[in-house]
Amino acid sequence: MKTTKSIWTLLILTFIASSCHYDLDDITENILIIDPNDEEYIEYKWWILTHKSYEAPGIYLYNETTETIELKLDLPKNLESPHALAYDGESLWIGGNDENESIYELDPENGAIISEIKNIQTEGIALLNDHLYYSDYKIINKITKDGTSVEEISTQNSSYNIPDIAIDDNNLYYLRYSEKDPVIKIGLSNRKESKINLTESTGTYCLTVSDNEIITINPINEILRFNLETGVFISRTPTNIKGWITAIAPYNNK
């Protein structure tokens, strides 16, 4: 898509330059043309979850770079309040925050249910190696992918509930309902917690980490990036996804 746009842009500019006797270099001096073959070109893709009770529910594979929806999957029929999403490079994992919910493992190509872990109510899911982590009020639970409990991680700075969680290497991150220091980092080896003050309020239910950045989505469905260590705001990008976005997960994480 970007390549096609670039070609057409150059053709149009060439026509204008020849018709009006302008120098093409002068016209294109301040125009950015993105080339997918450029070494600095980065394509950002995300799995995005929208709530069942609002407009356009589903699971979307969203290409942020081209601003296109590449795939839309239906939600599991019995999932009442979809809030949690993660991707391990092979399967999607999705959970909900209503009574009698399950965590479902889905085929990312067609949304078919591969497995189901029953009786788990959650707003956040994260994956690390062969284990799955999910938030349950002020507790973060670690289980195997077949549902066997491994351990409970108590949190020290959470509010009533934990809206979302994410994992990056040896650290786990969780959201809390707070305008100040909304993200908390937990060392998985020592359980030490530290607060990260995002420099711009997001009012979000969504959290993930990717490429040394904290990623959230604000109430008007913009993707926001922050420095993973300092919380300093980096950028915001609008999406064309409708409805209430409740979770985001990197497509390229393995």
C-alpha atoms as a PDB file:
ATOM      1  CA  MET A   1       0.000   0.000   0.000  1.00  0.00           C
ATOM      2  CA  LYS A   2       2.749   2.421   0.926  1.00  0.00           C
ATOM      3  CA  THR A   3       4.658   1.493  -2.231  1.00  0.00           C
ATOM      4  CA  THR A   4       1.612   2.188  -4.440  1.00  0.00           C
ATOM      5  CA  LYS A   5       1.044   5.553  -2.757  1.00  0.00           C
ATOM      6  CA  SER A   6       4.703   6.487  -3.279  1.00  0.00           C
ATOM      7  CA  ILE A   7       4.606   5.624  -7.005  1.00  0.00           C
ATOM      8  CA  TRP A   8       1.406   7.568  -7.619  1.00  0.00           C
ATOM      9  CA  THR A   9       2.757  10.535  -5.653  1.00  0.00           C
ATOM     10  CA  LEU A  10       5.881  10.666  -7.785  1.00  0.00           C
ATOM     11  CA  LEU A  11       3.873  10.349 -11.025  1.00  0.00           C
ATOM     12  CA  ILE A  12       1.540  13.188 -10.037  1.00  0.00           C
ATOM     13  CA  LEU A  13       4.401  15.435  -8.956  1.00  0.00           C
ATOM     14  CA  THR A  14       6.290  14.709 -12.181  1.00  0.00           C
ATOM     15  CA  PHE A  15       3.220  15.727 -14.204  1.00  0.00           C
ATOM     16  CA  ILE A  16       2.784  18.945 -12.216  1.00  0.00           C
ATOM     17  CA  ALA A  17       6.459  19.818 -12.571  1.00  0.00           C
ATOM     18  CA  SER A  18       6.494  19.267 -16.347  1.00  0.00           C
ATOM     19  CA  SER A  19       3.214  21.149 -16.904  1.00  0.00           C
ATOM     20  CA  CYS A  20       4.109  24.157 -14.784  1.00  0.00           C
ATOM     21  CA  HIS A  21       7.856  24.228 -15.482  1.00  0.00           C
ATOM     22  CA  TYR A  22       8.744  23.577 -11.829  1.00  0.00           C
ATOM     23  CA  ASP A  23      11.807  21.733 -10.603  1.00  0.00           C
ATOM     24  CA  LEU A  24      10.727  18.357  -9.163  1.00  0.00           C
ATOM     25  CA  ASP A  25      13.422  18.603  -6.485  1.00  0.00           C
ATOM     26  CA  ASP A  26      11.874  21.854  -5.243  1.00  0.00           C
ATOM     27  CA  ILE A  27       8.401  20.308  -5.024  1.00  0.00           C
ATOM     28  CA  THR A  28       9.465  17.143  -3.215  1.00  0.00           C
ATOM     29  CA  GLU A  29      11.882  18.814  -0.823  1.00  0.00           C
ATOM     30  CA  ASN A  30       9.366  18.893   2.055  1.00  0.00           C
ATOM     31  CA  ILE A  31       7.340  15.766   1.190  1.00  0.00           C
ATOM     32  CA  LEU A  32       8.061  12.515   3.018  1.00  0.00           C
ATOM     33  CA  ILE A  33       7.713   9.435   0.819  1.00  0.00           C
ATOM     34  CA  ILE A  34       7.870   6.170   2.761  1.00  0.00           C
ATOM     35  CA  ASP A  35       9.685   3.307   1.081  1.00  0.00           C
ATOM     36  CA  PRO A  36       9.087  -0.200   2.555  1.00  0.00           C
ATOM     37  CA  ASN A  37      12.519  -1.224   1.268  1.00  0.00           C
ATOM     38  CA  ASP A  38      14.198   1.466   3.360  1.00  0.00           C
ATOM     39  CA  GLU A  39      16.293   0.009   6.196  1.00  0.00           C
ATOM     40  CA  GLU A  40      14.599   2.406   8.646  1.00  0.00           C
ATOM     41  CA  TYR A  41      11.090   1.392   7.587  1.00  0.00           C
ATOM     42  CA  ILE A  42       9.236  -0.292  10.474  1.00  0.00           C
ATOM     43  CA  GLU A  43       5.814  -1.889  10.162  1.00  0.00           C
ATOM     44  CA  TYR A  44       3.802  -1.886  13.411  1.00  0.00           C
ATOM     45  CA  LYS A  45       1.013  -4.418  13.781  1.00  0.00           C
ATOM     46  CA  TRP A  46      -1.236  -5.039  16.777  1.00  0.00           C
ATOM     47  CA  TRP A  47      -3.944  -7.409  17.882  1.00  0.00           C
ATOM     48  CA  ILE A  48      -6.749  -5.211  19.215  1.00  0.00           C
ATOM     49  CA  LEU A  49      -9.803  -6.348  21.188  1.00  0.00           C
ATOM     50  CA  THR A  50     -13.134  -4.497  21.203  1.00  0.00           C
ATOM     51  CA  HIS A  51     -15.944  -5.111  23.692  1.00  0.00           C
ATOM     52  CA  LYS A  52     -18.946  -7.255  22.874  1.00  0.00           C
ATOM     53  CA  SER A  53     -21.531  -4.757  24.149  1.00  0.00           C
ATOM     54  CA  TYR A  54     -20.439  -1.833  21.951  1.00  0.00           C
ATOM     55  CA  GLU A  55     -19.965  -0.994  18.281  1.00  0.00           C
ATOM     56  CA  ALA A  56     -17.923  -3.326  16.062  1.00  0.00           C
ATOM     57  CA  PRO A  57     -17.010  -6.079  18.585  1.00  0.00           C
ATOM     58  CA  GLY A  58     -14.232  -8.470  17.644  1.00  0.00           C
ATOM     59  CA  ILE A  59     -10.500  -9.111  17.495  1.00  0.00           C
ATOM     60  CA  TYR A  60      -8.643  -7.051  14.916  1.00  0.00           C
ATOM     61  CA  LEU A  61      -5.228  -7.430  13.331  1.00  0.00           C
ATOM     62  CA  TYR A  62      -4.441  -3.750  12.850  1.00  0.00           C
ATOM     63  CA  ASN A  63      -1.555  -2.425  10.784  1.00  0.00           C
ATOM     64  CA  GLU A  64      -0.693   0.910  12.393  1.00  0.00           C
ATOM     65  CA  THR A  65       1.849   1.790   9.697  1.00  0.00           C
ATOM     66  CA  THR A  66      -0.604   1.500   6.788  1.00  0.00           C
ATOM     67  CA  GLU A  67      -3.645   2.404   8.936  1.00  0.00           C
ATOM     68  CA  THR A  68      -5.490  -0.690   7.745  1.00  0.00           C
ATOM     69  CA  ILE A  69      -7.395  -3.568   9.321  1.00  0.00           C
ATOM     70  CA  GLU A  70      -5.835  -6.730   7.907  1.00  0.00           C
ATOM     71  CA  LEU A  71      -8.108  -9.240   9.638  1.00  0.00           C
ATOM     72  CA  LYS A  72     -11.177  -9.302  11.886  1.00  0.00           C
ATOM     73  CA  LEU A  73     -12.082 -12.328  14.013  1.00  0.00           C
ATOM     74  CA  ASP A  74     -15.345 -13.026  15.814  1.00  0.00           C
ATOM     75  CA  LEU A  75     -15.360 -13.294  19.598  1.00  0.00           C
ATOM     76  CA  PRO A  76     -16.023 -16.649  21.267  1.00  0.00           C
ATOM     77  CA  LYS A  77     -19.789 -16.999  21.587  1.00  0.00           C
ATOM     78  CA  ASN A  78     -19.817 -17.486  25.366  1.00  0.00           C
ATOM     79  CA  LEU A  79     -17.381 -14.686  26.179  1.00  0.00           C
ATOM     80  CA  GLU A  80     -19.594 -12.051  27.805  1.00  0.00           C
ATOM     81  CA  SER A  81     -17.223  -9.194  28.727  1.00  0.00           C
ATOM     82  CA  PRO A  82     -13.991  -9.343  26.671  1.00  0.00           C
ATOM     83  CA  HIS A  83     -11.190  -7.416  28.378  1.00  0.00           C
ATOM     84  CA  ALA A  84      -7.973  -9.468  28.121  1.00  0.00           C
ATOM     85  CA  LEU A  85      -5.821 -10.373  25.136  1.00  0.00           C
ATOM     86  CA  ALA A  86      -2.328 -11.757  24.503  1.00  0.00           C
ATOM     87  CA  TYR A  87      -0.467 -13.376  21.614  1.00  0.00           C
ATOM     88  CA  ASP A  88       2.394 -15.873  21.813  1.00  0.00           C
ATOM     89  CA  GLY A  89       3.262 -15.971  18.115  1.00  0.00           C
ATOM     90  CA  GLU A  90       1.117 -19.043  17.514  1.00  0.00           C
ATOM     91  CA  SER A  91      -2.150 -18.574  19.408  1.00  0.00           C
ATOM     92  CA  LEU A  92      -4.319 -15.752  20.659  1.00  0.00           C
ATOM     93  CA  TRP A  93      -5.396 -15.857  24.305  1.00  0.00           C
ATOM     94  CA  ILE A  94      -8.545 -13.988  25.285  1.00  0.00           C
ATOM     95  CA  GLY A  95     -10.427 -13.603  28.575  1.00  0.00           C
ATOM     96  CA  GLY A  96     -13.330 -11.737  30.134  1.00  0.00           C
ATOM     97  CA  ASN A  97     -14.479  -9.970  33.268  1.00  0.00           C
ATOM     98  CA  ASP A  98     -17.960 -11.402  33.767  1.00  0.00           C
ATOM     99  CA  GLU A  99     -19.057 -14.289  35.978  1.00  0.00           C
ATOM    100  CA  ASN A 100     -18.311 -17.823  34.759  1.00  0.00           C
ATOM    101  CA  GLU A 101     -15.880 -16.606  32.097  1.00  0.00           C
ATOM    102  CA  SER A 102     -13.111 -18.675  30.515  1.00  0.00           C
ATOM    103  CA  ILE A 103      -9.731 -17.981  28.999  1.00  0.00           C
ATOM    104  CA  TYR A 104      -9.802 -19.152  25.387  1.00  0.00           C
ATOM    105  CA  GLU A 105      -6.905 -20.112  23.151  1.00  0.00           C
ATOM    106  CA  LEU A 106      -7.793 -19.147  19.577  1.00  0.00           C
ATOM    107  CA  ASP A 107      -6.451 -19.850  16.106  1.00  0.00           C
ATOM    108  CA  PRO A 108      -5.232 -16.411  14.885  1.00  0.00           C
ATOM    109  CA  GLU A 109      -6.193 -17.204  11.279  1.00  0.00           C
ATOM    110  CA  ASN A 110      -9.889 -17.908  11.797  1.00  0.00           C
ATOM    111  CA  GLY A 111     -10.734 -17.416  15.485  1.00  0.00           C
ATOM    112  CA  ALA A 112     -11.505 -21.096  16.090  1.00  0.00           C
ATOM    113  CA  ILE A 113     -11.264 -22.204  19.740  1.00  0.00           C
ATOM    114  CA  ILE A 114      -8.233 -24.437  20.322  1.00  0.00           C
ATOM    115  CA  SER A 115      -8.562 -24.827  24.099  1.00  0.00           C
ATOM    116  CA  GLU A 116     -10.477 -23.384  27.047  1.00  0.00           C
ATOM    117  CA  ILE A 117      -9.505 -22.760  30.673  1.00  0.00           C
ATOM    118  CA  LYS A 118     -12.806 -22.507  32.515  1.00  0.00           C
ATOM    119  CA  ASN A 119     -13.912 -20.414  35.491  1.00  0.00           C
ATOM    120  CA  ILE A 120     -11.362 -17.604  35.200  1.00  0.00           C
ATOM    121  CA  GLN A 121     -12.521 -14.016  35.478  1.00  0.00           C
ATOM    122  CA  THR A 122      -9.885 -11.483  34.383  1.00  0.00           C
ATOM    123  CA  GLU A 123      -9.175  -8.111  32.778  1.00  0.00           C
ATOM    124  CA  GLY A 124      -5.550  -8.777  31.857  1.00  0.00           C
ATOM    125  CA  ILE A 125      -3.494 -11.581  30.300  1.00  0.00           C
ATOM    126  CA  ALA A 126       0.246 -11.792  29.613  1.00  0.00           C
ATOM    127  CA  LEU A 127       2.476 -14.630  28.421  1.00  0.00           C
ATOM    128  CA  LEU A 128       6.024 -15.614  29.250  1.00  0.00           C
ATOM    129  CA  ASN A 129       7.526 -18.799  27.822  1.00  0.00           C
ATOM    130  CA  ASP A 130       5.101 -21.638  28.621  1.00  0.00           C
ATOM    131  CA  HIS A 131       3.202 -19.772  31.320  1.00  0.00           C
ATOM    132  CA  LEU A 132       0.186 -17.514  31.321  1.00  0.00           C
ATOM    133  CA  TYR A 133      -0.347 -14.678  33.794  1.00  0.00           C
ATOM    134  CA  TYR A 134      -3.735 -13.135  34.499  1.00  0.00           C
ATOM    135  CA  SER A 135      -5.000 -10.438  36.865  1.00  0.00           C
ATOM    136  CA  ASP A 136      -7.644 -11.183  39.474  1.00  0.00           C
ATOM    137  CA  TYR A 137      -8.498  -8.081  41.519  1.00  0.00           C
ATOM    138  CA  LYS A 138      -5.273  -7.353  43.476  1.00  0.00           C
ATOM    139  CA  ILE A 139      -3.644 -10.695  42.631  1.00  0.00           C
ATOM    140  CA  ILE A 140      -1.723 -11.734  39.522  1.00  0.00           C
ATOM    141  CA  ASN A 141      -1.920 -15.478  38.929  1.00  0.00           C
ATOM    142  CA  LYS A 142       0.666 -17.570  37.131  1.00  0.00           C
ATOM    143  CA  ILE A 143      -0.634 -20.759  35.507  1.00  0.00           C
ATOM    144  CA  THR A 144       0.431 -23.224  32.828  1.00  0.00           C
ATOM    145  CA  LYS A 145      -1.287 -23.040  29.455  1.00  0.00           C
ATOM    146  CA  ASP A 146      -3.475 -25.991  30.408  1.00  0.00           C
ATOM    147  CA  GLY A 147      -4.733 -24.129  33.489  1.00  0.00           C
ATOM    148  CA  THR A 148      -2.595 -25.640  36.261  1.00  0.00           C
ATOM    149  CA  SER A 149      -1.924 -23.097  39.008  1.00  0.00           C
ATOM    150  CA  VAL A 150       1.752 -22.282  39.623  1.00  0.00           C
ATOM    151  CA  GLU A 151       1.749 -19.287  42.002  1.00  0.00           C
ATOM    152  CA  GLU A 152      -0.020 -16.124  43.098  1.00  0.00           C
ATOM    153  CA  ILE A 153       1.728 -12.752  42.994  1.00  0.00           C
ATOM    154  CA  SER A 154       0.343 -10.242  45.480  1.00  0.00           C
ATOM    155  CA  THR A 155       0.513  -6.594  44.451  1.00  0.00           C
ATOM    156  CA  GLN A 156       1.344  -3.697  46.759  1.00  0.00           C
ATOM    157  CA  ASN A 157       0.190  -0.698  44.725  1.00  0.00           C
ATOM    158  CA  SER A 158      -2.926  -1.890  42.913  1.00  0.00           C
ATOM    159  CA  SER A 159      -6.335  -0.324  43.341  1.00  0.00           C
ATOM    160  CA  TYR A 160      -9.552  -2.360  43.611  1.00  0.00           C
ATOM    161  CA  ASN A 161      -8.904  -4.156  40.354  1.00  0.00           C
ATOM    162  CA  ILE A 162      -6.039  -4.501  37.846  1.00  0.00           C
ATOM    163  CA  PRO A 163      -7.277  -3.407  34.384  1.00  0.00           C
ATOM    164  CA  ASP A 164      -4.411  -4.956  32.398  1.00  0.00           C
ATOM    165  CA  ILE A 165      -0.949  -6.519  32.647  1.00  0.00           C
ATOM    166  CA  ALA A 166       2.090  -6.992  30.382  1.00  0.00           C
ATOM    167  CA  ILE A 167       5.466  -8.753  30.578  1.00  0.00           C
ATOM    168  CA  ASP A 168       8.858  -7.755  29.195  1.00  0.00           C
ATOM    169  CA  ASP A 169      11.810 -10.044  29.960  1.00  0.00           C
ATOM    170  CA  ASN A 170      12.057 -10.291  33.764  1.00  0.00           C
ATOM    171  CA  ASN A 171       9.567  -7.559  34.601  1.00  0.00           C
ATOM    172  CA  LEU A 172       5.803  -7.588  34.837  1.00  0.00           C
ATOM    173  CA  TYR A 173       3.782  -4.383  34.429  1.00  0.00           C
ATOM    174  CA  TYR A 174       0.271  -3.711  35.634  1.00  0.00           C
ATOM    175  CA  LEU A 175      -2.198  -0.850  35.342  1.00  0.00           C
ATOM    176  CA  ARG A 176      -4.009   0.727  38.245  1.00  0.00           C
ATOM    177  CA  TYR A 177      -6.865   3.191  38.481  1.00  0.00           C
ATOM    178  CA  SER A 178      -4.789   6.292  39.134  1.00  0.00           C
ATOM    179  CA  GLU A 179      -3.956   9.466  37.214  1.00  0.00           C
ATOM    180  CA  LYS A 180      -0.570   9.583  38.956  1.00  0.00           C
ATOM    181  CA  ASP A 181       1.891   6.721  38.383  1.00  0.00           C
ATOM    182  CA  PRO A 182      -0.710   4.548  36.583  1.00  0.00           C
ATOM    183  CA  VAL A 183       1.803   1.828  35.628  1.00  0.00           C
ATOM    184  CA  ILE A 184       3.594  -0.356  38.189  1.00  0.00           C
ATOM    185  CA  LYS A 185       6.644  -2.485  37.390  1.00  0.00           C
ATOM    186  CA  ILE A 186       7.262  -5.715  39.326  1.00  0.00           C
ATOM    187  CA  GLY A 187      10.569  -7.554  39.160  1.00  0.00           C
ATOM    188  CA  LEU A 188       9.663 -11.202  38.636  1.00  0.00           C
ATOM    189  CA  SER A 189      12.825 -12.342  40.413  1.00  0.00           C
ATOM    190  CA  ASN A 190      12.613 -10.136  43.531  1.00  0.00           C
ATOM    191  CA  ARG A 191       8.931  -8.965  43.499  1.00  0.00           C
ATOM    192  CA  LYS A 192      10.110  -5.368  44.000  1.00  0.00           C
ATOM    193  CA  GLU A 193       7.568  -2.815  42.776  1.00  0.00           C
ATOM    194  CA  SER A 194       8.280   0.624  41.312  1.00  0.00           C
ATOM    195  CA  LYS A 195       5.920   3.258  39.949  1.00  0.00           C
ATOM    196  CA  ILE A 196       6.075   4.660  36.411  1.00  0.00           C
ATOM    197  CA  ASN A 197       4.522   8.082  35.957  1.00  0.00           C
ATOM    198  CA  LEU A 198       3.248   8.418  32.388  1.00  0.00           C
ATOM    199  CA  THR A 199       3.732  12.041  31.394  1.00  0.00           C
ATOM    200  CA  GLU A 200       0.349  12.211  29.692  1.00  0.00           C
ATOM    201  CA  SER A 201      -2.912  10.973  31.210  1.00  0.00           C
ATOM    202  CA  THR A 202      -4.419   8.154  29.153  1.00  0.00           C
ATOM    203  CA  GLY A 203      -7.546   7.025  31.004  1.00  0.00           C
ATOM    204  CA  THR A 204      -6.967   3.580  29.570  1.00  0.00           C
ATOM    205  CA  TYR A 205      -7.900  -0.034  30.236  1.00  0.00           C
ATOM    206  CA  CYS A 206      -5.184  -1.223  27.859  1.00  0.00           C
ATOM    207  CA  LEU A 207      -1.507  -1.938  28.427  1.00  0.00           C
ATOM    208  CA  THR A 208       1.239  -3.750  26.594  1.00  0.00           C
ATOM    209  CA  VAL A 209       5.008  -3.415  26.194  1.00  0.00           C
ATOM    210  CA  SER A 210       6.983  -3.649  22.955  1.00  0.00           C
ATOM    211  CA  ASP A 211      10.419  -2.486  21.749  1.00  0.00           C
ATOM    212  CA  ASN A 212      11.256  -0.851  25.096  1.00  0.00           C
ATOM    213  CA  GLU A 213       8.027   1.137  25.046  1.00  0.00           C
ATOM    214  CA  ILE A 214       4.813   1.170  27.060  1.00  0.00           C
ATOM    215  CA  ILE A 215       1.816   1.058  24.732  1.00  0.00           C
ATOM    216  CA  THR A 216      -1.680   2.159  25.772  1.00  0.00           C
ATOM    217  CA  ILE A 217      -4.895   3.189  24.044  1.00  0.00           C
ATOM    218  CA  ASN A 218      -6.852   6.232  25.200  1.00  0.00           C
ATOM    219  CA  PRO A 219     -10.666   6.634  25.253  1.00  0.00           C
ATOM    220  CA  ILE A 220     -10.755   7.975  21.684  1.00  0.00           C
ATOM    221  CA  ASN A 221      -8.911   4.906  20.367  1.00  0.00           C
ATOM    222  CA  GLU A 222      -5.504   6.476  19.805  1.00  0.00           C
ATOM    223  CA  ILE A 223      -2.346   4.389  20.290  1.00  0.00           C
ATOM    224  CA  LEU A 224       0.040   6.099  22.725  1.00  0.00           C
ATOM    225  CA  ARG A 225       3.714   5.283  23.271  1.00  0.00           C
ATOM    226  CA  PHE A 226       5.823   6.015  26.361  1.00  0.00           C
ATOM    227  CA  ASN A 227       9.421   5.297  27.336  1.00  0.00           C
ATOM    228  CA  LEU A 228       9.474   1.994  29.228  1.00  0.00           C
ATOM    229  CA  GLU A 229      11.810   3.210  31.960  1.00  0.00           C
ATOM    230  CA  THR A 230      10.812   6.846  32.443  1.00  0.00           C
ATOM    231  CA  GLY A 231       7.211   7.013  31.266  1.00  0.00           C
ATOM    232  CA  VAL A 232       8.005  10.018  29.043  1.00  0.00           C
ATOM    233  CA  PHE A 233       5.462  10.464  26.237  1.00  0.00           C
ATOM    234  CA  ILE A 234       6.743   9.581  22.757  1.00  0.00           C
ATOM    235  CA  SER A 235       3.869   9.667  20.284  1.00  0.00           C
ATOM    236  CA  ARG A 236       0.171   9.197  19.589  1.00  0.00           C
ATOM    237  CA  THR A 237      -1.466   7.643  16.531  1.00  0.00           C
ATOM    238  CA  PRO A 238      -5.208   7.569  15.805  1.00  0.00           C
ATOM    239  CA  THR A 239      -6.806   4.290  14.738  1.00  0.00           C
ATOM    240  CA  ASN A 240      -9.843   3.734  12.544  1.00  0.00           C
ATOM    241  CA  ILE A 241     -11.233   1.045  14.840  1.00  0.00           C
ATOM    242  CA  LYS A 242     -14.688   1.740  16.257  1.00  0.00           C
ATOM    243  CA  GLY A 243     -16.204   0.647  19.569  1.00  0.00           C
ATOM    244  CA  TRP A 244     -14.579   0.261  22.967  1.00  0.00           C
ATOM    245  CA  ILE A 245     -11.024  -1.059  22.783  1.00  0.00           C
ATOM    246  CA  THR A 246     -10.270  -3.085  25.907  1.00  0.00           C
ATOM    247  CA  ALA A 247      -6.927  -4.728  25.072  1.00  0.00           C
ATOM    248  CA  ILE A 248      -3.934  -4.518  22.738  1.00  0.00           C
ATOM    249  CA  ALA A 249      -1.156  -7.048  22.088  1.00  0.00           C
ATOM    250  CA  PRO A 250       1.903  -6.927  19.786  1.00  0.00           C
ATOM    251  CA  TYR A 251       1.631  -9.012  16.633  1.00  0.00           C
ATOM    252  CA  ASN A 252       5.374  -9.556  16.299  1.00  0.00           C
ATOM    253  CA  ASN A 253       6.109 -10.776  19.829  1.00  0.00           C
ATOM    254  CA  LYS A 254       7.051 -14.443  19.983  1.00  0.00           C
END
